[in-house]
Protein backbone atom coordinates (compact mmCIF):
# COMPACT_ATOMS: atom_id res chain seq x y z
CA MET A 1 13.94 15.40 89.90
CA ASN A 2 11.55 12.89 88.54
CA PRO A 3 13.42 10.83 85.85
CA LEU A 4 10.11 10.23 84.05
CA GLU A 5 10.11 13.85 83.14
CA SER A 6 12.49 13.23 80.23
CA VAL A 7 13.28 10.54 77.76
CA ARG A 8 16.97 10.50 78.89
CA GLY A 9 15.88 10.11 82.48
CA THR A 10 13.45 7.35 81.74
CA ILE A 11 16.07 5.52 79.76
CA ILE A 12 18.68 5.81 82.52
CA GLY A 13 16.17 4.82 85.13
CA GLY A 14 15.20 1.79 83.11
CA ILE A 15 18.98 0.77 82.69
CA VAL A 16 19.58 1.31 86.51
CA LEU A 17 16.41 -0.79 87.32
CA ALA A 18 17.52 -3.60 84.84
CA VAL A 19 21.01 -3.73 86.47
CA ALA A 20 19.55 -3.78 89.87
CA ILE A 21 17.26 -6.72 89.07
CA GLY A 22 20.19 -8.49 87.34
CA LEU A 23 22.30 -8.06 90.47
CA ALA A 24 19.57 -9.24 92.71
CA THR A 25 18.80 -12.33 90.70
CA THR A 26 22.09 -13.50 89.29
CA GLY A 27 24.70 -11.57 91.44
CA VAL A 28 27.82 -10.00 90.14
CA ALA A 29 28.64 -12.63 87.47
CA PHE A 30 28.56 -10.85 84.12
CA ASN A 31 27.27 -12.73 81.13
CA ILE A 32 28.54 -10.84 77.98
CA GLY A 33 26.37 -12.92 75.67
CA SER A 34 23.19 -11.96 77.58
CA PHE A 35 24.33 -8.32 77.71
CA ILE A 36 24.77 -8.29 74.04
CA VAL A 37 21.54 -9.84 73.29
CA TRP A 38 19.81 -7.35 75.67
CA ILE A 39 21.29 -4.49 73.69
CA HIS A 40 20.28 -6.22 70.40
CA VAL A 41 16.74 -6.72 71.43
CA MET A 42 16.27 -3.14 72.83
CA ALA A 43 17.68 -1.56 69.64
CA GLY A 44 15.66 -3.98 67.60
CA ILE A 45 12.52 -3.03 69.25
CA THR A 46 13.24 0.57 68.66
CA TRP A 47 14.08 -0.02 64.91
CA ILE A 48 11.28 -2.34 64.00
CA GLY A 49 8.73 -0.59 66.28
CA LEU A 50 9.38 2.77 64.38
CA LEU A 51 9.41 0.78 61.05
CA TYR A 52 5.93 -0.44 61.86
CA TYR A 53 4.83 2.92 63.10
CA PHE A 54 5.92 4.52 59.78
CA ASN A 55 4.14 1.87 57.69
CA PHE A 56 0.97 1.14 59.69
CA VAL A 57 0.36 4.64 61.08
CA GLN A 58 2.27 7.63 59.75
CA VAL A 59 2.21 7.00 55.98
CA PRO A 60 -1.52 6.14 55.85
CA ALA A 61 -2.30 9.12 58.09
CA LEU A 62 -0.20 11.46 55.96
CA GLY A 63 -2.10 10.12 52.99
CA GLU A 64 -5.46 10.92 54.51
CA ALA A 65 -4.19 14.27 55.72
CA ALA A 66 -3.10 15.24 52.15
CA SER A 67 -6.50 14.26 50.73
CA ASP A 68 -8.45 16.21 53.53
CA ASP A 69 -9.17 19.66 51.80
CA GLY A 70 -10.27 21.41 55.05
CA GLY A 71 -8.11 19.44 57.41
CA PRO A 72 -4.89 20.30 59.39
CA GLY A 73 -2.64 18.79 56.95
CA GLY A 74 0.60 16.91 57.82
CA ALA A 75 2.97 19.65 58.41
CA GLY A 76 3.22 19.06 62.14
CA ILE A 77 4.19 15.45 61.55
CA THR A 78 6.76 16.21 58.72
CA LYS A 79 8.29 19.08 60.59
CA TYR A 80 8.38 17.76 64.25
CA VAL A 81 7.67 14.10 64.35
CA ALA A 82 9.19 12.56 61.26
CA PRO A 83 12.88 14.03 61.77
CA ARG A 84 12.96 12.80 65.47
CA ALA A 85 11.44 9.37 64.53
CA LEU A 86 13.93 8.91 61.77
CA TRP A 87 16.90 9.68 64.05
CA TRP A 88 15.92 6.99 66.46
CA PHE A 89 14.97 4.68 63.49
CA ARG A 90 18.36 4.86 61.63
CA TRP A 91 20.61 4.69 64.89
CA GLY A 92 18.31 1.80 66.11
CA ALA A 93 19.02 -0.04 62.88
CA LEU A 94 22.77 0.39 63.21
CA VAL A 95 22.88 -0.66 66.90
CA THR A 96 20.67 -3.67 66.12
CA TRP A 97 23.01 -4.80 63.30
CA LEU A 98 26.28 -4.06 65.20
CA SER A 99 25.03 -5.92 68.37
CA GLY A 100 23.71 -8.73 66.21
CA ALA A 101 27.12 -9.06 64.46
CA ALA A 102 28.78 -8.98 67.93
CA TYR A 103 26.70 -11.75 69.20
CA LEU A 104 27.47 -13.89 66.25
CA GLY A 105 31.10 -13.16 66.83
CA HIS A 106 30.75 -14.03 70.64
CA LEU A 107 29.25 -17.27 69.50
CA ARG A 108 32.00 -17.78 67.02
CA ILE A 109 29.54 -18.20 64.14
CA PHE A 110 29.66 -14.96 62.26
CA GLY A 111 31.29 -16.43 59.10
CA ASP A 112 29.16 -19.60 59.34
CA ALA A 113 25.91 -17.53 59.71
CA PHE A 114 26.73 -15.30 56.84
CA THR A 115 27.51 -18.26 54.64
CA LEU A 116 24.16 -19.75 55.61
CA GLY A 117 25.80 -22.67 57.49
CA MET A 118 27.63 -24.00 54.50
CA MET A 119 31.28 -23.37 55.66
CA GLY A 120 31.79 -26.77 57.38
CA GLU A 121 31.80 -30.24 55.96
CA SER A 122 28.11 -30.64 56.80
CA MET A 123 25.29 -28.24 56.67
CA ASN A 124 24.78 -26.25 60.09
CA ILE A 125 21.03 -25.73 60.23
CA GLN A 126 21.22 -23.48 63.27
CA ALA A 127 23.76 -21.26 61.45
CA MET A 128 21.42 -21.20 58.42
CA ILE A 129 18.40 -20.16 60.51
CA ILE A 130 20.30 -17.26 62.13
CA GLY A 131 22.04 -16.47 58.87
CA VAL A 132 18.71 -15.90 56.96
CA GLY A 133 17.88 -13.36 59.76
CA ALA A 134 21.29 -11.77 59.60
CA TRP A 135 21.21 -11.44 55.92
CA PHE A 136 17.69 -9.95 55.97
CA GLY A 137 18.83 -7.58 58.67
CA THR A 138 21.82 -6.50 56.61
CA ILE A 139 19.69 -5.76 53.58
CA MET A 140 17.24 -3.81 55.87
CA LEU A 141 20.12 -1.84 57.23
CA PHE A 142 21.34 -0.99 53.68
CA ASN A 143 17.86 0.17 52.85
CA VAL A 144 17.77 2.45 56.03
CA TRP A 145 21.01 4.23 55.40
CA VAL A 146 21.29 4.09 51.60
CA LEU A 147 17.61 4.43 50.30
CA ILE A 148 15.22 5.61 53.20
CA TRP A 149 17.28 8.20 55.05
CA PRO A 150 18.93 10.13 52.03
CA ASN A 151 15.34 10.25 50.30
CA GLN A 152 13.61 11.25 53.58
CA LYS A 153 15.92 14.28 53.90
CA LYS A 154 14.61 15.37 50.42
CA ILE A 155 11.06 14.73 51.26
CA LEU A 156 11.29 16.64 54.69
CA GLY A 157 13.14 19.65 53.03
CA MET A 158 16.33 18.92 54.96
CA VAL A 159 18.24 19.06 51.65
CA GLU A 160 17.27 20.93 48.59
CA ALA A 161 15.47 19.09 45.88
CA SER A 162 13.18 19.89 43.02
CA ALA A 163 9.51 18.78 42.92
CA GLU A 164 10.55 15.87 40.68
CA GLU A 165 13.33 14.84 42.86
CA VAL A 166 11.03 14.93 45.85
CA ALA A 167 8.35 12.70 43.96
CA LYS A 168 11.14 10.18 42.99
CA ALA A 169 12.48 10.32 46.62
CA ARG A 170 8.99 9.52 47.96
CA ARG A 171 8.55 6.48 45.78
CA VAL A 172 12.15 5.07 46.59
CA ALA A 173 11.77 5.72 50.34
CA PHE A 174 8.25 4.15 50.36
CA LEU A 175 9.33 1.06 48.47
CA ALA A 176 12.44 0.57 50.66
CA SER A 177 10.39 0.95 53.78
CA ARG A 178 7.71 -1.51 52.59
CA THR A 179 10.54 -3.94 51.60
CA ASN A 180 11.90 -3.69 55.09
CA THR A 181 8.48 -4.37 56.60
CA LEU A 182 8.16 -7.43 54.40
CA LEU A 183 11.61 -8.58 55.32
CA SER A 184 11.25 -8.01 59.05
CA ILE A 185 8.63 -10.74 59.31
CA PRO A 186 10.84 -13.80 58.13
CA MET A 187 13.79 -11.99 59.77
CA LEU A 188 12.10 -12.15 63.20
CA MET A 189 11.09 -15.68 62.62
CA SER A 190 14.67 -16.59 61.99
CA MET A 191 15.83 -14.72 65.04
CA VAL A 192 13.35 -16.44 67.30
CA GLY A 193 13.79 -19.71 65.54
CA TYR A 194 17.53 -19.72 66.16
CA GLY A 195 17.01 -19.48 69.89
CA HIS A 196 14.15 -22.08 70.03
CA GLY A 197 15.43 -24.79 67.59
CA GLY A 198 13.62 -23.62 64.47
CA PHE A 199 9.86 -23.46 63.71
CA PHE A 200 9.32 -26.45 61.56
CA ILE A 201 10.39 -29.73 63.05
């Protein structure tokens, strides 16, 4: 059976290939920190990739579909694409946050990061850089699970809601999603800056 015929097979094939490359290049020495970062990056790409898809592609396309009187409308997207994309989106967000927290714990800087490097006697700039990213990620995770997902269930008809409730849900989910898009830009800068000594020297 060709693993490329299914999403599960493709993911398993990718993991097997990654493990084989790891064994071939570094041997059997297991680096827990690198493993956690790998999970964090994979989940983060899934999460932020879907965030950008929703904001840059799906929302504008559905807006155009709604205003196209003779067009096909957006029913196919809202019935088949959006629920599946939202599943990957919300679980990608959770795994990203948990793996990021695990990495901060592995480095023994979880508390220092979440206090923005102000726990010690002197300011820890590296902890501040990663801490800003961690806080933005935390706010974004909150938005996904508390604002976006419950409201999307109303919008997509997964839970019963009046027309007024759906209209309100659209606005809340839209603003939370746009907030996450805005926060993702400095969040990613903080994440990259932590690993490369900051951006402004």
